[in-house]
Structures are given as C-alpha cells and as structure tokens.
Amino acid sequence: MTKPLADNLLAKIIEEKGSFALVYRRDRHLDRGGGRRVYFYFRPHLVLAMRKDKKELLEQVRSSLGCGKIFEVRNQARWELFSAKEAKRVIKVLKNHSFLNPNTEKVFQLWQEAIAVLLKYARKKINVEKGKRGFVSTWTDYEQKDLRRLFRIREEMKRYKKWSKGDYRWTHTLLARPF
C-alpha cells in the first residue's frame, strides 16, 4: 500500500509533469448494412509521464486521487485519466493552487470548463434501451452553444501546447455546420 501525498505536493507534480487535453474522436463503422455510421465523442485526458524508475511516485498519485491508470511504455511510466467524473478529483486538488506557469494555468482553466460542459450532459442511465436497436444518440442532448464551446476550447488549448500538431481534420467542418 502506497502512502498518499499531500494536496500541495500533488498539485505541484500535476503542474510540472501533467499534460491536459480534450480528446475529440471520430469513429466510423463501415461494415453496417445500409451505410456507414459515424460516431463522435469528447473526453478529458490528463497524463503524467515520468521515467520508469519513478513509477512508485505515480502509484502515490493514483492512491492520493483514487483514480487513473498506470501504464509502462518503453522507458516511461504514465499515469492517465480519461473520465470526466474522475477529473473532478483533480480539479478539487488544483482549484486553489497558484500556478507558476501561466500557460499551464490557462490550459487547466479551459480543461476545467470543458469538464463542466461534459458533466452537464453526462447520461445518468446506460446508453441503450431494451427493444430498441442500436444506441441512443448522445449528441442530441447537447445545446448547440455548448457543443461549439467544446470545439473552441480544444482549439484554444492548442495555442498553449509546446508541440505543434497538424490541423484537426474534422473540427473545422463541424464548427461550420449547424447542429
């Protein structure tokens, strides 16, 4: 059993080693009868990446927050968080933290805003109904302004990243179309 970390130390580790992102994914299913189906979804993503020998510290982060998963990739140990509900725990720790890096603070504020929108529309029940074929659409519940805000948050977060990723292929087309 690993010993939990104090909130201020935990906040410092997340600020220095953390990477906040808003994942937007497009899935296509081509083998469906009657045409292809396209599914879109957003989810928050937070990663702490360290050398493999620092895995014990990541175990302490996981036990302190009570969420996330640890993976070993080549010579790295990574703690990853993908759930909007679990992200509330990270927000609670970082809420009153004074960031040293203004870019990290701005990205965190955008990430926090995106999570608030995602939780606003989170389904309370399972996404399938008995006697109904297929899944119920999750996009129909979103207000147009909130959906557009998620796309804009993602675009704004791109400005504060150290790396320059290529253009997001579907974002511009979806921002232009009325939902």
N, C-alpha and C. Protein backbone atom coordinates (compact mmCIF):
# COMPACT_ATOMS: atom_id res chain seq x y z
N MET A 1 0.86 -1.18 0.00
CA MET A 1 0.00 0.00 0.00
C MET A 1 0.90 1.24 0.00
N THR A 2 0.64 2.12 -0.93
CA THR A 2 1.45 3.33 -1.02
C THR A 2 0.83 4.44 -0.19
N LYS A 3 1.70 5.30 0.28
CA LYS A 3 1.28 6.40 1.15
C LYS A 3 0.76 7.56 0.29
N PRO A 4 -0.43 8.10 0.60
CA PRO A 4 -0.97 9.23 -0.17
C PRO A 4 -0.12 10.49 0.00
N LEU A 5 -0.16 11.34 -1.00
CA LEU A 5 0.60 12.59 -0.99
C LEU A 5 -0.28 13.74 -0.49
N ALA A 6 0.37 14.77 0.04
CA ALA A 6 -0.35 15.98 0.46
C ALA A 6 -0.87 16.70 -0.79
N ASP A 7 -1.96 17.44 -0.64
CA ASP A 7 -2.58 18.10 -1.79
C ASP A 7 -1.65 19.10 -2.48
N ASN A 8 -0.86 19.85 -1.70
CA ASN A 8 0.03 20.84 -2.32
C ASN A 8 1.14 20.17 -3.13
N LEU A 9 1.67 19.05 -2.64
CA LEU A 9 2.69 18.31 -3.39
C LEU A 9 2.07 17.67 -4.63
N LEU A 10 0.89 17.16 -4.48
CA LEU A 10 0.17 16.56 -5.60
C LEU A 10 -0.09 17.60 -6.70
N ALA A 11 -0.51 18.79 -6.30
CA ALA A 11 -0.76 19.87 -7.26
C ALA A 11 0.51 20.27 -7.98
N LYS A 12 1.62 20.31 -7.25
CA LYS A 12 2.91 20.67 -7.86
C LYS A 12 3.34 19.63 -8.89
N ILE A 13 3.17 18.36 -8.57
CA ILE A 13 3.53 17.28 -9.51
C ILE A 13 2.68 17.37 -10.77
N ILE A 14 1.37 17.59 -10.60
CA ILE A 14 0.48 17.68 -11.76
C ILE A 14 0.82 18.90 -12.61
N GLU A 15 1.16 20.02 -11.96
CA GLU A 15 1.52 21.22 -12.73
C GLU A 15 2.80 21.00 -13.53
N GLU A 16 3.81 20.40 -12.92
CA GLU A 16 5.10 20.25 -13.59
C GLU A 16 5.12 19.13 -14.63
N LYS A 17 4.49 18.01 -14.32
CA LYS A 17 4.59 16.84 -15.20
C LYS A 17 3.32 16.54 -15.97
N GLY A 18 2.24 17.25 -15.67
CA GLY A 18 0.94 16.94 -16.27
C GLY A 18 0.74 17.57 -17.63
N SER A 19 -0.08 16.90 -18.43
CA SER A 19 -0.47 17.40 -19.74
C SER A 19 -1.98 17.26 -19.86
N PHE A 20 -2.67 18.40 -19.93
CA PHE A 20 -4.13 18.42 -20.03
C PHE A 20 -4.53 18.43 -21.50
N ALA A 21 -5.54 17.67 -21.85
CA ALA A 21 -6.03 17.66 -23.22
C ALA A 21 -7.52 17.36 -23.23
N LEU A 22 -8.15 17.74 -24.32
CA LEU A 22 -9.55 17.40 -24.56
C LEU A 22 -9.56 16.57 -25.83
N VAL A 23 -9.80 15.28 -25.68
CA VAL A 23 -9.76 14.36 -26.81
C VAL A 23 -11.09 14.44 -27.56
N TYR A 24 -10.99 14.60 -28.86
CA TYR A 24 -12.16 14.56 -29.72
C TYR A 24 -11.94 13.42 -30.70
N ARG A 25 -12.87 12.50 -30.73
CA ARG A 25 -12.65 11.30 -31.51
C ARG A 25 -13.79 11.09 -32.49
N ARG A 26 -13.44 10.62 -33.65
CA ARG A 26 -14.41 10.27 -34.68
C ARG A 26 -14.22 8.80 -35.01
N ASP A 27 -15.24 8.00 -34.80
CA ASP A 27 -15.20 6.57 -35.13
C ASP A 27 -16.15 6.30 -36.28
N ARG A 28 -15.66 5.53 -37.24
CA ARG A 28 -16.50 5.13 -38.37
C ARG A 28 -16.66 3.62 -38.37
N HIS A 29 -17.87 3.17 -38.62
CA HIS A 29 -18.15 1.74 -38.74
C HIS A 29 -18.66 1.50 -40.15
N LEU A 30 -17.82 0.90 -40.97
CA LEU A 30 -18.13 0.74 -42.39
C LEU A 30 -18.91 -0.52 -42.70
N ASP A 31 -18.88 -1.51 -41.83
CA ASP A 31 -19.47 -2.81 -42.14
C ASP A 31 -20.93 -2.93 -41.71
N ARG A 32 -21.62 -1.84 -41.56
CA ARG A 32 -23.03 -1.88 -41.18
C ARG A 32 -23.89 -1.96 -42.44
N GLY A 33 -24.92 -2.75 -42.39
CA GLY A 33 -25.84 -2.82 -43.53
C GLY A 33 -26.59 -1.50 -43.67
N GLY A 34 -26.71 -1.03 -44.90
CA GLY A 34 -27.45 0.21 -45.11
C GLY A 34 -26.61 1.46 -44.98
N GLY A 35 -25.30 1.35 -45.02
CA GLY A 35 -24.45 2.54 -44.96
C GLY A 35 -23.53 2.53 -43.77
N ARG A 36 -22.68 3.51 -43.74
CA ARG A 36 -21.72 3.59 -42.64
C ARG A 36 -22.24 4.52 -41.55
N ARG A 37 -21.82 4.25 -40.36
CA ARG A 37 -22.21 5.08 -39.22
C ARG A 37 -20.97 5.80 -38.72
N VAL A 38 -21.15 7.03 -38.31
CA VAL A 38 -20.05 7.83 -37.79
C VAL A 38 -20.44 8.28 -36.38
N TYR A 39 -19.53 8.08 -35.44
CA TYR A 39 -19.76 8.45 -34.05
C TYR A 39 -18.69 9.45 -33.63
N PHE A 40 -19.08 10.47 -32.89
CA PHE A 40 -18.16 11.47 -32.37
C PHE A 40 -18.30 11.52 -30.86
N TYR A 41 -17.18 11.78 -30.18
CA TYR A 41 -17.28 11.99 -28.74
C TYR A 41 -16.09 12.79 -28.23
N PHE A 42 -16.30 13.45 -27.10
CA PHE A 42 -15.25 14.18 -26.38
C PHE A 42 -14.97 13.45 -25.09
N ARG A 43 -13.73 13.56 -24.63
CA ARG A 43 -13.41 13.09 -23.28
C ARG A 43 -12.16 13.83 -22.80
N PRO A 44 -12.10 14.11 -21.50
CA PRO A 44 -10.91 14.77 -20.97
C PRO A 44 -9.76 13.78 -20.86
N HIS A 45 -8.55 14.29 -20.94
CA HIS A 45 -7.38 13.43 -20.85
C HIS A 45 -6.31 14.18 -20.04
N LEU A 46 -5.78 13.52 -19.05
CA LEU A 46 -4.68 14.06 -18.26
C LEU A 46 -3.62 12.98 -18.15
N VAL A 47 -2.38 13.34 -18.45
CA VAL A 47 -1.27 12.39 -18.42
C VAL A 47 -0.15 12.95 -17.56
N LEU A 48 0.41 12.09 -16.72
CA LEU A 48 1.66 12.38 -16.01
C LEU A 48 2.66 11.36 -16.54
N ALA A 49 3.69 11.83 -17.21
CA ALA A 49 4.70 10.93 -17.77
C ALA A 49 6.03 11.15 -17.06
N MET A 50 6.63 10.06 -16.61
CA MET A 50 7.92 10.10 -15.91
C MET A 50 8.77 8.91 -16.33
N ARG A 51 10.02 8.94 -15.90
CA ARG A 51 10.89 7.78 -16.16
C ARG A 51 10.33 6.56 -15.46
N LYS A 52 10.71 5.41 -15.95
CA LYS A 52 10.19 4.15 -15.41
C LYS A 52 10.53 3.96 -13.93
N ASP A 53 11.68 4.48 -13.51
CA ASP A 53 12.07 4.31 -12.11
C ASP A 53 11.26 5.20 -11.15
N LYS A 54 10.43 6.09 -11.67
CA LYS A 54 9.57 6.95 -10.85
C LYS A 54 8.14 6.40 -10.75
N LYS A 55 7.97 5.14 -11.08
CA LYS A 55 6.64 4.53 -11.07
C LYS A 55 6.02 4.56 -9.67
N GLU A 56 6.84 4.44 -8.66
CA GLU A 56 6.32 4.46 -7.28
C GLU A 56 5.65 5.80 -6.96
N LEU A 57 6.21 6.90 -7.47
CA LEU A 57 5.61 8.21 -7.28
C LEU A 57 4.23 8.28 -7.97
N LEU A 58 4.14 7.69 -9.15
CA LEU A 58 2.85 7.65 -9.85
C LEU A 58 1.83 6.80 -9.09
N GLU A 59 2.32 5.74 -8.44
CA GLU A 59 1.43 4.92 -7.60
C GLU A 59 0.88 5.76 -6.45
N GLN A 60 1.73 6.62 -5.88
CA GLN A 60 1.28 7.51 -4.80
C GLN A 60 0.24 8.52 -5.32
N VAL A 61 0.46 9.02 -6.53
CA VAL A 61 -0.51 9.95 -7.14
C VAL A 61 -1.85 9.24 -7.31
N ARG A 62 -1.80 8.02 -7.82
CA ARG A 62 -3.04 7.26 -8.03
C ARG A 62 -3.75 6.98 -6.71
N SER A 63 -3.00 6.60 -5.69
CA SER A 63 -3.65 6.32 -4.40
C SER A 63 -4.18 7.60 -3.75
N SER A 64 -3.51 8.73 -3.97
CA SER A 64 -3.97 10.00 -3.41
C SER A 64 -5.26 10.47 -4.06
N LEU A 65 -5.33 10.35 -5.38
CA LEU A 65 -6.52 10.79 -6.10
C LEU A 65 -7.61 9.72 -6.15
N GLY A 66 -7.20 8.47 -6.05
CA GLY A 66 -8.17 7.38 -6.12
C GLY A 66 -8.72 7.14 -7.51
N CYS A 67 -7.96 7.51 -8.53
CA CYS A 67 -8.43 7.32 -9.90
C CYS A 67 -7.23 7.27 -10.85
N GLY A 68 -7.51 6.94 -12.10
CA GLY A 68 -6.47 6.87 -13.12
C GLY A 68 -5.85 5.50 -13.22
N LYS A 69 -5.10 5.30 -14.29
CA LYS A 69 -4.42 4.03 -14.52
C LYS A 69 -2.96 4.30 -14.84
N ILE A 70 -2.11 3.34 -14.48
CA ILE A 70 -0.68 3.46 -14.74
C ILE A 70 -0.28 2.46 -15.81
N PHE A 71 0.48 2.96 -16.78
CA PHE A 71 0.97 2.13 -17.87
C PHE A 71 2.48 2.28 -17.97
N GLU A 72 3.13 1.25 -18.43
CA GLU A 72 4.56 1.33 -18.74
C GLU A 72 4.73 1.24 -20.24
N VAL A 73 5.34 2.27 -20.81
CA VAL A 73 5.57 2.34 -22.25
C VAL A 73 7.05 2.60 -22.46
N ARG A 74 7.74 1.63 -23.07
CA ARG A 74 9.19 1.69 -23.29
C ARG A 74 9.91 2.03 -21.99
N ASN A 75 10.54 3.20 -21.92
CA ASN A 75 11.27 3.57 -20.71
C ASN A 75 10.50 4.59 -19.87
N GLN A 76 9.17 4.65 -20.08
CA GLN A 76 8.33 5.61 -19.38
C GLN A 76 7.28 4.91 -18.53
N ALA A 77 6.91 5.58 -17.46
CA ALA A 77 5.74 5.18 -16.68
C ALA A 77 4.75 6.33 -16.83
N ARG A 78 3.50 6.00 -17.13
CA ARG A 78 2.49 7.02 -17.39
C ARG A 78 1.25 6.77 -16.53
N TRP A 79 0.79 7.84 -15.88
CA TRP A 79 -0.49 7.80 -15.18
C TRP A 79 -1.46 8.55 -16.08
N GLU A 80 -2.59 7.92 -16.43
CA GLU A 80 -3.54 8.54 -17.35
C GLU A 80 -4.94 8.56 -16.76
N LEU A 81 -5.65 9.63 -17.06
CA LEU A 81 -7.02 9.81 -16.61
C LEU A 81 -7.88 10.17 -17.82
N PHE A 82 -8.98 9.44 -18.03
CA PHE A 82 -9.86 9.68 -19.18
C PHE A 82 -11.30 9.99 -18.81
N SER A 83 -11.65 9.96 -17.56
CA SER A 83 -13.04 10.09 -17.14
C SER A 83 -13.35 11.50 -16.64
N ALA A 84 -14.47 12.05 -17.10
CA ALA A 84 -14.88 13.38 -16.64
C ALA A 84 -15.27 13.34 -15.16
N LYS A 85 -15.88 12.25 -14.73
CA LYS A 85 -16.28 12.14 -13.32
C LYS A 85 -15.06 12.07 -12.41
N GLU A 86 -14.04 11.32 -12.82
CA GLU A 86 -12.82 11.23 -12.02
C GLU A 86 -12.00 12.51 -12.09
N ALA A 87 -12.16 13.27 -13.17
CA ALA A 87 -11.42 14.53 -13.31
C ALA A 87 -11.83 15.55 -12.26
N LYS A 88 -13.02 15.39 -11.70
CA LYS A 88 -13.46 16.30 -10.63
C LYS A 88 -12.50 16.24 -9.44
N ARG A 89 -11.91 15.08 -9.19
CA ARG A 89 -10.95 14.95 -8.07
C ARG A 89 -9.70 15.78 -8.33
N VAL A 90 -9.24 15.78 -9.57
CA VAL A 90 -8.06 16.58 -9.93
C VAL A 90 -8.39 18.06 -9.82
N ILE A 91 -9.57 18.44 -10.28
CA ILE A 91 -9.98 19.84 -10.20
C ILE A 91 -10.03 20.31 -8.75
N LYS A 92 -10.52 19.45 -7.88
CA LYS A 92 -10.60 19.79 -6.45
C LYS A 92 -9.21 20.08 -5.88
N VAL A 93 -8.22 19.29 -6.29
CA VAL A 93 -6.85 19.48 -5.80
C VAL A 93 -6.24 20.76 -6.36
N LEU A 94 -6.50 21.06 -7.64
CA LEU A 94 -5.87 22.20 -8.31
C LEU A 94 -6.67 23.49 -8.22
N LYS A 95 -7.85 23.45 -7.65
CA LYS A 95 -8.74 24.61 -7.63
C LYS A 95 -8.08 25.85 -7.02
N ASN A 96 -7.45 25.71 -5.88
CA ASN A 96 -6.84 26.85 -5.19
C ASN A 96 -5.33 26.90 -5.34
N HIS A 97 -4.79 26.11 -6.24
CA HIS A 97 -3.34 26.07 -6.45
C HIS A 97 -2.91 27.30 -7.25
N SER A 98 -1.82 27.93 -6.83
CA SER A 98 -1.29 29.07 -7.60
C SER A 98 -0.23 28.54 -8.56
N PHE A 99 -0.54 28.58 -9.83
CA PHE A 99 0.34 28.06 -10.86
C PHE A 99 1.52 28.99 -11.10
N LEU A 100 2.70 28.42 -11.30
CA LEU A 100 3.88 29.21 -11.64
C LEU A 100 3.91 29.51 -13.13
N ASN A 101 3.43 28.59 -13.93
CA ASN A 101 3.42 28.76 -15.38
C ASN A 101 2.03 29.24 -15.82
N PRO A 102 1.94 30.45 -16.38
CA PRO A 102 0.62 30.96 -16.79
C PRO A 102 -0.03 30.14 -17.91
N ASN A 103 0.78 29.54 -18.78
CA ASN A 103 0.21 28.70 -19.84
C ASN A 103 -0.47 27.47 -19.27
N THR A 104 0.15 26.84 -18.30
CA THR A 104 -0.44 25.67 -17.66
C THR A 104 -1.73 26.05 -16.95
N GLU A 105 -1.74 27.21 -16.33
CA GLU A 105 -2.95 27.67 -15.64
C GLU A 105 -4.09 27.89 -16.63
N LYS A 106 -3.79 28.50 -17.77
CA LYS A 106 -4.82 28.77 -18.78
C LYS A 106 -5.37 27.46 -19.35
N VAL A 107 -4.48 26.50 -19.64
CA VAL A 107 -4.92 25.21 -20.16
C VAL A 107 -5.78 24.49 -19.13
N PHE A 108 -5.39 24.56 -17.85
CA PHE A 108 -6.19 23.93 -16.80
C PHE A 108 -7.58 24.57 -16.71
N GLN A 109 -7.66 25.89 -16.81
CA GLN A 109 -8.96 26.56 -16.76
C GLN A 109 -9.86 26.14 -17.92
N LEU A 110 -9.27 26.03 -19.11
CA LEU A 110 -10.04 25.57 -20.27
C LEU A 110 -10.50 24.12 -20.09
N TRP A 111 -9.60 23.28 -19.58
CA TRP A 111 -9.90 21.87 -19.33
C TRP A 111 -11.02 21.74 -18.31
N GLN A 112 -10.96 22.55 -17.27
CA GLN A 112 -11.98 22.56 -16.23
C GLN A 112 -13.34 22.98 -16.81
N GLU A 113 -13.33 23.96 -17.68
CA GLU A 113 -14.58 24.41 -18.32
C GLU A 113 -15.16 23.30 -19.21
N ALA A 114 -14.30 22.61 -19.94
CA ALA A 114 -14.75 21.51 -20.80
C ALA A 114 -15.37 20.39 -19.97
N ILE A 115 -14.77 20.09 -18.84
CA ILE A 115 -15.29 19.02 -17.98
C ILE A 115 -16.67 19.41 -17.43
N ALA A 116 -16.84 20.69 -17.10
CA ALA A 116 -18.15 21.15 -16.62
C ALA A 116 -19.22 20.94 -17.68
N VAL A 117 -18.90 21.22 -18.95
CA VAL A 117 -19.85 21.01 -20.04
C VAL A 117 -20.13 19.52 -20.22
N LEU A 118 -19.08 18.70 -20.19
CA LEU A 118 -19.26 17.26 -20.37
C LEU A 118 -20.10 16.65 -19.25
N LEU A 119 -19.87 17.09 -18.02
CA LEU A 119 -20.65 16.56 -16.90
C LEU A 119 -22.10 17.03 -16.92
N LYS A 120 -22.32 18.21 -17.50
CA LYS A 120 -23.68 18.73 -17.62
C LYS A 120 -24.56 17.80 -18.46
N TYR A 121 -23.94 17.18 -19.47
CA TYR A 121 -24.68 16.31 -20.38
C TYR A 121 -24.39 14.82 -20.17
N ALA A 122 -23.72 14.49 -19.10
CA ALA A 122 -23.41 13.07 -18.83
C ALA A 122 -24.70 12.31 -18.58
N ARG A 123 -24.80 11.17 -19.20
CA ARG A 123 -26.02 10.36 -19.04
C ARG A 123 -26.01 9.67 -17.69
N LYS A 124 -27.15 9.68 -17.07
CA LYS A 124 -27.28 9.03 -15.77
C LYS A 124 -27.59 7.54 -15.93
N LYS A 125 -28.17 7.19 -17.09
CA LYS A 125 -28.51 5.80 -17.32
C LYS A 125 -27.68 5.25 -18.48
N ILE A 126 -27.74 3.96 -18.67
CA ILE A 126 -26.98 3.32 -19.73
C ILE A 126 -27.51 3.78 -21.10
N ASN A 127 -26.64 3.80 -22.08
CA ASN A 127 -26.94 4.39 -23.38
C ASN A 127 -27.62 3.42 -24.35
N VAL A 128 -28.39 2.49 -23.87
CA VAL A 128 -29.11 1.57 -24.75
C VAL A 128 -30.45 1.25 -24.08
N GLU A 129 -31.46 1.09 -24.88
CA GLU A 129 -32.79 0.80 -24.35
C GLU A 129 -33.27 -0.56 -24.83
N LYS A 130 -33.97 -1.27 -23.98
CA LYS A 130 -34.48 -2.59 -24.33
C LYS A 130 -35.54 -2.47 -25.42
N GLY A 131 -35.43 -3.34 -26.41
CA GLY A 131 -36.39 -3.34 -27.51
C GLY A 131 -36.09 -2.32 -28.58
N LYS A 132 -35.01 -1.55 -28.43
CA LYS A 132 -34.64 -0.54 -29.40
C LYS A 132 -33.31 -0.94 -30.00
N ARG A 133 -33.21 -0.92 -31.31
CA ARG A 133 -31.98 -1.35 -31.95
C ARG A 133 -30.95 -0.22 -31.93
N GLY A 134 -29.74 -0.55 -31.56
CA GLY A 134 -28.66 0.43 -31.57
C GLY A 134 -28.63 1.29 -30.32
N PHE A 135 -27.76 2.28 -30.34
CA PHE A 135 -27.59 3.17 -29.21
C PHE A 135 -28.39 4.45 -29.41
N VAL A 136 -28.72 5.09 -28.33
CA VAL A 136 -29.40 6.38 -28.38
C VAL A 136 -28.34 7.44 -28.62
N SER A 137 -28.62 8.39 -29.50
CA SER A 137 -27.64 9.43 -29.82
C SER A 137 -27.36 10.30 -28.60
N THR A 138 -26.08 10.54 -28.34
CA THR A 138 -25.71 11.39 -27.22
C THR A 138 -25.58 12.85 -27.63
N TRP A 139 -25.43 13.12 -28.93
CA TRP A 139 -25.26 14.49 -29.40
C TRP A 139 -26.57 15.27 -29.37
N THR A 140 -27.69 14.58 -29.43
CA THR A 140 -28.97 15.29 -29.49
C THR A 140 -29.28 16.04 -28.20
N ASP A 141 -28.71 15.61 -27.10
CA ASP A 141 -28.96 16.28 -25.82
C ASP A 141 -28.19 17.59 -25.68
N TYR A 142 -27.09 17.74 -26.40
CA TYR A 142 -26.24 18.91 -26.27
C TYR A 142 -26.89 20.14 -26.89
N GLU A 143 -26.78 21.26 -26.20
CA GLU A 143 -27.19 22.53 -26.81
C GLU A 143 -26.10 22.92 -27.79
N GLN A 144 -26.49 23.60 -28.84
CA GLN A 144 -25.56 23.97 -29.90
C GLN A 144 -24.41 24.84 -29.36
N LYS A 145 -24.73 25.78 -28.47
CA LYS A 145 -23.68 26.67 -27.95
C LYS A 145 -22.65 25.89 -27.12
N ASP A 146 -23.10 24.88 -26.38
CA ASP A 146 -22.16 24.09 -25.58
C ASP A 146 -21.28 23.21 -26.46
N LEU A 147 -21.85 22.66 -27.51
CA LEU A 147 -21.07 21.84 -28.42
C LEU A 147 -20.01 22.68 -29.14
N ARG A 148 -20.41 23.85 -29.58
CA ARG A 148 -19.45 24.76 -30.22
C ARG A 148 -18.36 25.18 -29.23
N ARG A 149 -18.75 25.38 -27.98
CA ARG A 149 -17.77 25.78 -26.96
C ARG A 149 -16.73 24.69 -26.75
N LEU A 150 -17.14 23.43 -26.77
CA LEU A 150 -16.17 22.33 -26.63
C LEU A 150 -15.15 22.35 -27.77
N PHE A 151 -15.62 22.58 -28.99
CA PHE A 151 -14.69 22.66 -30.12
C PHE A 151 -13.75 23.85 -29.97
N ARG A 152 -14.28 24.97 -29.51
CA ARG A 152 -13.44 26.17 -29.36
C ARG A 152 -12.43 26.00 -28.22
N ILE A 153 -12.84 25.34 -27.15
CA ILE A 153 -11.91 25.07 -26.05
C ILE A 153 -10.74 24.26 -26.57
N ARG A 154 -11.05 23.27 -27.36
CA ARG A 154 -9.99 22.41 -27.92
C ARG A 154 -9.04 23.21 -28.80
N GLU A 155 -9.58 24.11 -29.59
CA GLU A 155 -8.74 24.97 -30.44
C GLU A 155 -7.90 25.92 -29.59
N GLU A 156 -8.48 26.48 -28.53
CA GLU A 156 -7.74 27.39 -27.66
C GLU A 156 -6.61 26.67 -26.93
N MET A 157 -6.86 25.43 -26.51
CA MET A 157 -5.84 24.66 -25.80
C MET A 157 -4.62 24.41 -26.69
N LYS A 158 -4.86 24.31 -27.98
CA LYS A 158 -3.79 24.05 -28.94
C LYS A 158 -2.73 25.16 -28.90
N ARG A 159 -3.16 26.39 -28.64
CA ARG A 159 -2.24 27.53 -28.61
C ARG A 159 -1.20 27.44 -27.50
N TYR A 160 -1.55 26.77 -26.41
CA TYR A 160 -0.67 26.73 -25.25
C TYR A 160 0.20 25.47 -25.19
N LYS A 161 0.08 24.61 -26.17
CA LYS A 161 0.87 23.38 -26.19
C LYS A 161 2.28 23.67 -26.71
N LYS A 162 3.24 22.89 -26.22
CA LYS A 162 4.63 23.05 -26.64
C LYS A 162 4.85 22.53 -28.05
N TRP A 163 4.10 21.50 -28.41
CA TRP A 163 4.23 20.89 -29.73
C TRP A 163 3.18 21.47 -30.64
N SER A 164 3.46 21.43 -31.92
CA SER A 164 2.51 21.93 -32.90
C SER A 164 1.96 20.76 -33.69
N LYS A 165 0.78 20.35 -33.34
CA LYS A 165 0.15 19.24 -34.04
C LYS A 165 -0.54 19.77 -35.29
N GLY A 166 -0.63 18.93 -36.29
CA GLY A 166 -1.31 19.33 -37.52
C GLY A 166 -2.76 19.69 -37.28
N ASP A 167 -3.36 20.25 -38.27
CA ASP A 167 -4.74 20.69 -38.17
C ASP A 167 -5.66 19.52 -37.81
N TYR A 168 -6.60 19.76 -36.92
CA TYR A 168 -7.58 18.74 -36.59
C TYR A 168 -8.56 18.67 -37.75
N ARG A 169 -8.63 17.53 -38.39
CA ARG A 169 -9.33 17.41 -39.66
C ARG A 169 -10.83 17.67 -39.58
N TRP A 170 -11.49 17.24 -38.54
CA TRP A 170 -12.95 17.32 -38.52
C TRP A 170 -13.46 18.51 -37.74
N THR A 171 -12.63 19.17 -36.98
CA THR A 171 -13.10 20.26 -36.12
C THR A 171 -13.70 21.39 -36.94
N HIS A 172 -13.02 21.83 -37.98
CA HIS A 172 -13.49 22.98 -38.74
C HIS A 172 -14.80 22.68 -39.46
N THR A 173 -14.94 21.49 -39.99
CA THR A 173 -16.18 21.16 -40.69
C THR A 173 -17.35 21.09 -39.71
N LEU A 174 -17.11 20.61 -38.51
CA LEU A 174 -18.20 20.51 -37.55
C LEU A 174 -18.53 21.86 -36.93
N LEU A 175 -17.53 22.74 -36.81
CA LEU A 175 -17.82 24.08 -36.29
C LEU A 175 -18.69 24.86 -37.27
N ALA A 176 -18.52 24.59 -38.56
CA ALA A 176 -19.24 25.34 -39.58
C ALA A 176 -20.69 24.88 -39.73
N ARG A 177 -20.96 23.63 -39.43
CA ARG A 177 -22.31 23.12 -39.67
C ARG A 177 -23.24 23.38 -38.49
N PRO A 178 -24.49 23.66 -38.75
CA PRO A 178 -25.45 23.84 -37.65
C PRO A 178 -25.85 22.49 -37.09
N PHE A 179 -25.85 22.35 -35.78
CA PHE A 179 -26.19 21.07 -35.15
C PHE A 179 -27.68 20.98 -34.91
